Amino acid sequence: MTIQELIKLEDKAKEVWVISPSLHYDVENADFSELVSVNLGEKTKYRYIVPASKTVVKNLDLYQKKYNLTDENVISNFLLLPESEFNPFITEIAIYDANTNCKACSAVGNEDGKDIMEFSPAASKSMADSFAEIWKKYKRVKP
């Protein structure tokens, strides 16, 4: 499914449940931000499950301001979970040949299947860089 197909699907929905590690699409992606704004005006119901991370808290504040929501709207539409409780929604990601022809793929972490998504070269490289940075931070050596 392309991003445009996803936008069409969301545009027609009356209720949207989102599980997001950062709220990226809702606050940083212009196409989705516009769609969410229109949908909220048309009374589409949005419900979010997000981790209670620093990034989400910052983006949740942006979300509230961007869409002119009350504290009560945020409380009723968002479930902030401790990051450990958020884990069942995380897909498994594999990064291949990070230093040469970097490719990253994602799949559901607890079942076999054909639903595997390949990330763009830029996203793959960004994930590889993040992996290396986190690995080095905690292991204190390059991966």
C-alpha atoms as a PDB file:
ATOM      1  CA  MET A   1       0.000   0.000   0.000  1.00  0.00           C
ATOM      2  CA  THR A   2       1.331   3.433  -0.862  1.00  0.00           C
ATOM      3  CA  ILE A   3       1.091   6.476   1.376  1.00  0.00           C
ATOM      4  CA  GLN A   4      -1.526   7.951  -0.973  1.00  0.00           C
ATOM      5  CA  GLU A   5      -3.644   4.785  -0.713  1.00  0.00           C
ATOM      6  CA  LEU A   6      -3.341   4.964   3.061  1.00  0.00           C
ATOM      7  CA  ILE A   7      -4.466   8.605   3.031  1.00  0.00           C
ATOM      8  CA  LYS A   8      -7.529   7.661   0.948  1.00  0.00           C
ATOM      9  CA  LEU A   9      -8.372   4.881   3.411  1.00  0.00           C
ATOM     10  CA  GLU A  10      -8.074   7.200   6.398  1.00  0.00           C
ATOM     11  CA  ASP A  11     -10.043   9.925   4.620  1.00  0.00           C
ATOM     12  CA  LYS A  12     -13.064   7.605   4.337  1.00  0.00           C
ATOM     13  CA  ALA A  13     -12.845   6.234   7.879  1.00  0.00           C
ATOM     14  CA  LYS A  14     -15.253   7.310  10.605  1.00  0.00           C
ATOM     15  CA  GLU A  15     -12.987   5.999  13.369  1.00  0.00           C
ATOM     16  CA  VAL A  16      -9.193   5.652  13.324  1.00  0.00           C
ATOM     17  CA  TRP A  17      -7.155   3.775  15.911  1.00  0.00           C
ATOM     18  CA  VAL A  18      -3.461   4.641  15.839  1.00  0.00           C
ATOM     19  CA  ILE A  19      -0.593   2.879  17.569  1.00  0.00           C
ATOM     20  CA  SER A  20       2.392   5.163  17.184  1.00  0.00           C
ATOM     21  CA  PRO A  21       5.860   5.261  18.700  1.00  0.00           C
ATOM     22  CA  SER A  22       6.189   9.036  18.122  1.00  0.00           C
ATOM     23  CA  LEU A  23       3.072  10.658  16.551  1.00  0.00           C
ATOM     24  CA  HIS A  24       5.268  11.492  13.561  1.00  0.00           C
ATOM     25  CA  TYR A  25       2.571  11.328  10.904  1.00  0.00           C
ATOM     26  CA  ASP A  26       0.056  13.322  12.913  1.00  0.00           C
ATOM     27  CA  VAL A  27       2.341  16.250  13.740  1.00  0.00           C
ATOM     28  CA  GLU A  28       5.247  16.192  11.275  1.00  0.00           C
ATOM     29  CA  ASN A  29       3.835  14.901   7.964  1.00  0.00           C
ATOM     30  CA  ALA A  30       2.034  17.710   6.096  1.00  0.00           C
ATOM     31  CA  ASP A  31      -0.336  15.411   4.154  1.00  0.00           C
ATOM     32  CA  PHE A  32      -1.457  13.510   7.248  1.00  0.00           C
ATOM     33  CA  SER A  33      -1.648  16.656   9.389  1.00  0.00           C
ATOM     34  CA  GLU A  34      -4.022  18.219   6.893  1.00  0.00           C
ATOM     35  CA  LEU A  35      -6.089  15.031   6.736  1.00  0.00           C
ATOM     36  CA  VAL A  36      -6.303  14.717  10.531  1.00  0.00           C
ATOM     37  CA  SER A  37      -7.348  18.362  10.769  1.00  0.00           C
ATOM     38  CA  VAL A  38     -10.136  17.869   8.203  1.00  0.00           C
ATOM     39  CA  ASN A  39     -11.232  14.561   9.749  1.00  0.00           C
ATOM     40  CA  LEU A  40     -11.387  16.005  13.254  1.00  0.00           C
ATOM     41  CA  GLY A  41     -13.565  18.820  11.863  1.00  0.00           C
ATOM     42  CA  GLU A  42     -15.840  16.186  10.322  1.00  0.00           C
ATOM     43  CA  LYS A  43     -16.061  14.379  13.680  1.00  0.00           C
ATOM     44  CA  THR A  44     -13.901  11.392  12.756  1.00  0.00           C
ATOM     45  CA  LYS A  45     -12.970   9.688  16.030  1.00  0.00           C
ATOM     46  CA  TYR A  46      -9.273   9.217  16.654  1.00  0.00           C
ATOM     47  CA  ARG A  47      -7.900   7.010  19.425  1.00  0.00           C
ATOM     48  CA  TYR A  48      -4.175   6.697  20.063  1.00  0.00           C
ATOM     49  CA  ILE A  49      -1.995   4.312  22.007  1.00  0.00           C
ATOM     50  CA  VAL A  50       1.473   5.780  22.444  1.00  0.00           C
ATOM     51  CA  PRO A  51       4.442   5.240  24.747  1.00  0.00           C
ATOM     52  CA  ALA A  52       4.978   7.803  27.496  1.00  0.00           C
ATOM     53  CA  SER A  53       8.334   8.839  26.047  1.00  0.00           C
ATOM     54  CA  LYS A  54       9.880  12.318  25.907  1.00  0.00           C
ATOM     55  CA  THR A  55       9.291  12.454  22.147  1.00  0.00           C
ATOM     56  CA  VAL A  56       5.612  11.563  22.448  1.00  0.00           C
ATOM     57  CA  VAL A  57       5.005  14.016  25.278  1.00  0.00           C
ATOM     58  CA  LYS A  58       6.567  16.781  23.165  1.00  0.00           C
ATOM     59  CA  ASN A  59       4.612  15.750  20.046  1.00  0.00           C
ATOM     60  CA  LEU A  60       1.397  15.382  22.032  1.00  0.00           C
ATOM     61  CA  ASP A  61       1.732  19.006  23.086  1.00  0.00           C
ATOM     62  CA  LEU A  62       2.215  19.961  19.415  1.00  0.00           C
ATOM     63  CA  TYR A  63      -0.798  17.813  18.458  1.00  0.00           C
ATOM     64  CA  GLN A  64      -2.998  19.530  21.037  1.00  0.00           C
ATOM     65  CA  LYS A  65      -1.984  22.992  19.821  1.00  0.00           C
ATOM     66  CA  LYS A  66      -2.115  22.103  16.118  1.00  0.00           C
ATOM     67  CA  TYR A  67      -5.656  20.726  16.309  1.00  0.00           C
ATOM     68  CA  ASN A  68      -6.880  23.097  19.027  1.00  0.00           C
ATOM     69  CA  LEU A  69      -7.861  20.340  21.458  1.00  0.00           C
ATOM     70  CA  THR A  70      -8.775  20.708  25.099  1.00  0.00           C
ATOM     71  CA  ASP A  71      -7.046  18.757  27.859  1.00  0.00           C
ATOM     72  CA  GLU A  72     -10.255  16.687  28.114  1.00  0.00           C
ATOM     73  CA  ASN A  73     -10.008  15.794  24.384  1.00  0.00           C
ATOM     74  CA  VAL A  74      -6.444  14.614  24.879  1.00  0.00           C
ATOM     75  CA  ILE A  75      -7.330  12.601  27.974  1.00  0.00           C
ATOM     76  CA  SER A  76     -10.214  10.844  26.211  1.00  0.00           C
ATOM     77  CA  ASN A  77      -8.401  10.221  22.907  1.00  0.00           C
ATOM     78  CA  PHE A  78      -4.900   9.208  24.055  1.00  0.00           C
ATOM     79  CA  LEU A  79      -3.635   6.300  26.082  1.00  0.00           C
ATOM     80  CA  LEU A  80      -0.036   6.849  27.151  1.00  0.00           C
ATOM     81  CA  LEU A  81       1.513   3.564  28.136  1.00  0.00           C
ATOM     82  CA  PRO A  82       4.712   2.877  30.010  1.00  0.00           C
ATOM     83  CA  GLU A  83       7.194   1.994  27.303  1.00  0.00           C
ATOM     84  CA  SER A  84       7.328  -1.651  28.432  1.00  0.00           C
ATOM     85  CA  GLU A  85       3.562  -1.974  27.898  1.00  0.00           C
ATOM     86  CA  PHE A  86       3.951  -0.531  24.400  1.00  0.00           C
ATOM     87  CA  ASN A  87       6.196  -3.424  23.294  1.00  0.00           C
ATOM     88  CA  PRO A  88       3.430  -5.703  21.880  1.00  0.00           C
ATOM     89  CA  PHE A  89       2.821  -3.136  19.134  1.00  0.00           C
ATOM     90  CA  ILE A  90       6.405  -2.875  17.977  1.00  0.00           C
ATOM     91  CA  THR A  91       7.201  -4.682  14.759  1.00  0.00           C
ATOM     92  CA  GLU A  92      10.452  -6.520  14.245  1.00  0.00           C
ATOM     93  CA  ILE A  93      12.948  -4.623  12.108  1.00  0.00           C
ATOM     94  CA  ALA A  94      16.001  -6.092  10.426  1.00  0.00           C
ATOM     95  CA  ILE A  95      18.755  -3.964   8.902  1.00  0.00           C
ATOM     96  CA  TYR A  96      20.922  -5.579   6.243  1.00  0.00           C
ATOM     97  CA  ASP A  97      24.417  -4.485   5.183  1.00  0.00           C
ATOM     98  CA  ALA A  98      24.185  -1.212   7.088  1.00  0.00           C
ATOM     99  CA  ASN A  99      27.599  -0.006   5.921  1.00  0.00           C
ATOM    100  CA  THR A 100      27.255  -0.798   2.212  1.00  0.00           C
ATOM    101  CA  ASN A 101      23.919  -1.390   0.476  1.00  0.00           C
ATOM    102  CA  CYS A 102      21.726  -0.678   3.514  1.00  0.00           C
ATOM    103  CA  LYS A 103      18.212  -2.150   3.486  1.00  0.00           C
ATOM    104  CA  ALA A 104      15.737  -2.337   6.352  1.00  0.00           C
ATOM    105  CA  CYS A 105      12.591  -4.437   6.539  1.00  0.00           C
ATOM    106  CA  SER A 106       9.815  -4.782   9.083  1.00  0.00           C
ATOM    107  CA  ALA A 107       7.364  -7.562   9.919  1.00  0.00           C
ATOM    108  CA  VAL A 108       5.021  -8.509  12.728  1.00  0.00           C
ATOM    109  CA  GLY A 109       7.242  -9.740  15.509  1.00  0.00           C
ATOM    110  CA  ASN A 110       5.231 -12.718  16.703  1.00  0.00           C
ATOM    111  CA  GLU A 111       3.990 -14.514  13.592  1.00  0.00           C
ATOM    112  CA  ASP A 112       5.216 -15.818  10.266  1.00  0.00           C
ATOM    113  CA  GLY A 113       3.711 -14.403   7.132  1.00  0.00           C
ATOM    114  CA  LYS A 114       4.154 -12.538   3.896  1.00  0.00           C
ATOM    115  CA  ASP A 115       3.421  -9.092   5.332  1.00  0.00           C
ATOM    116  CA  ILE A 116       6.934  -7.685   5.141  1.00  0.00           C
ATOM    117  CA  MET A 117       7.576  -4.034   4.461  1.00  0.00           C
ATOM    118  CA  GLU A 118      10.837  -2.758   2.971  1.00  0.00           C
ATOM    119  CA  PHE A 119      11.834   0.760   3.983  1.00  0.00           C
ATOM    120  CA  SER A 120      13.167   3.384   1.603  1.00  0.00           C
ATOM    121  CA  PRO A 121      16.954   3.752   1.340  1.00  0.00           C
ATOM    122  CA  ALA A 122      16.828   7.012   3.363  1.00  0.00           C
ATOM    123  CA  ALA A 123      14.706   5.455   6.127  1.00  0.00           C
ATOM    124  CA  SER A 124      16.927   2.364   6.136  1.00  0.00           C
ATOM    125  CA  LYS A 125      20.059   4.489   6.515  1.00  0.00           C
ATOM    126  CA  SER A 126      18.441   6.552   9.274  1.00  0.00           C
ATOM    127  CA  MET A 127      17.510   3.398  11.197  1.00  0.00           C
ATOM    128  CA  ALA A 128      21.002   1.972  10.700  1.00  0.00           C
ATOM    129  CA  ASP A 129      22.522   5.193  12.044  1.00  0.00           C
ATOM    130  CA  SER A 130      20.192   5.106  15.059  1.00  0.00           C
ATOM    131  CA  PHE A 131      21.011   1.447  15.689  1.00  0.00           C
ATOM    132  CA  ALA A 132      24.750   2.170  15.588  1.00  0.00           C
ATOM    133  CA  GLU A 133      24.382   5.216  17.858  1.00  0.00           C
ATOM    134  CA  ILE A 134      22.366   3.333  20.474  1.00  0.00           C
ATOM    135  CA  TRP A 135      24.647   0.273  20.265  1.00  0.00           C
ATOM    136  CA  LYS A 136      27.717   2.444  20.766  1.00  0.00           C
ATOM    137  CA  LYS A 137      26.078   4.368  23.623  1.00  0.00           C
ATOM    138  CA  TYR A 138      25.382   1.235  25.651  1.00  0.00           C
ATOM    139  CA  LYS A 139      28.012  -1.224  24.421  1.00  0.00           C
ATOM    140  CA  ARG A 140      30.647   1.509  23.982  1.00  0.00           C
ATOM    141  CA  VAL A 141      31.896  -0.055  20.751  1.00  0.00           C
ATOM    142  CA  LYS A 142      30.744   0.077  17.139  1.00  0.00           C
ATOM    143  CA  PRO A 143      28.394  -2.724  16.114  1.00  0.00           C
END
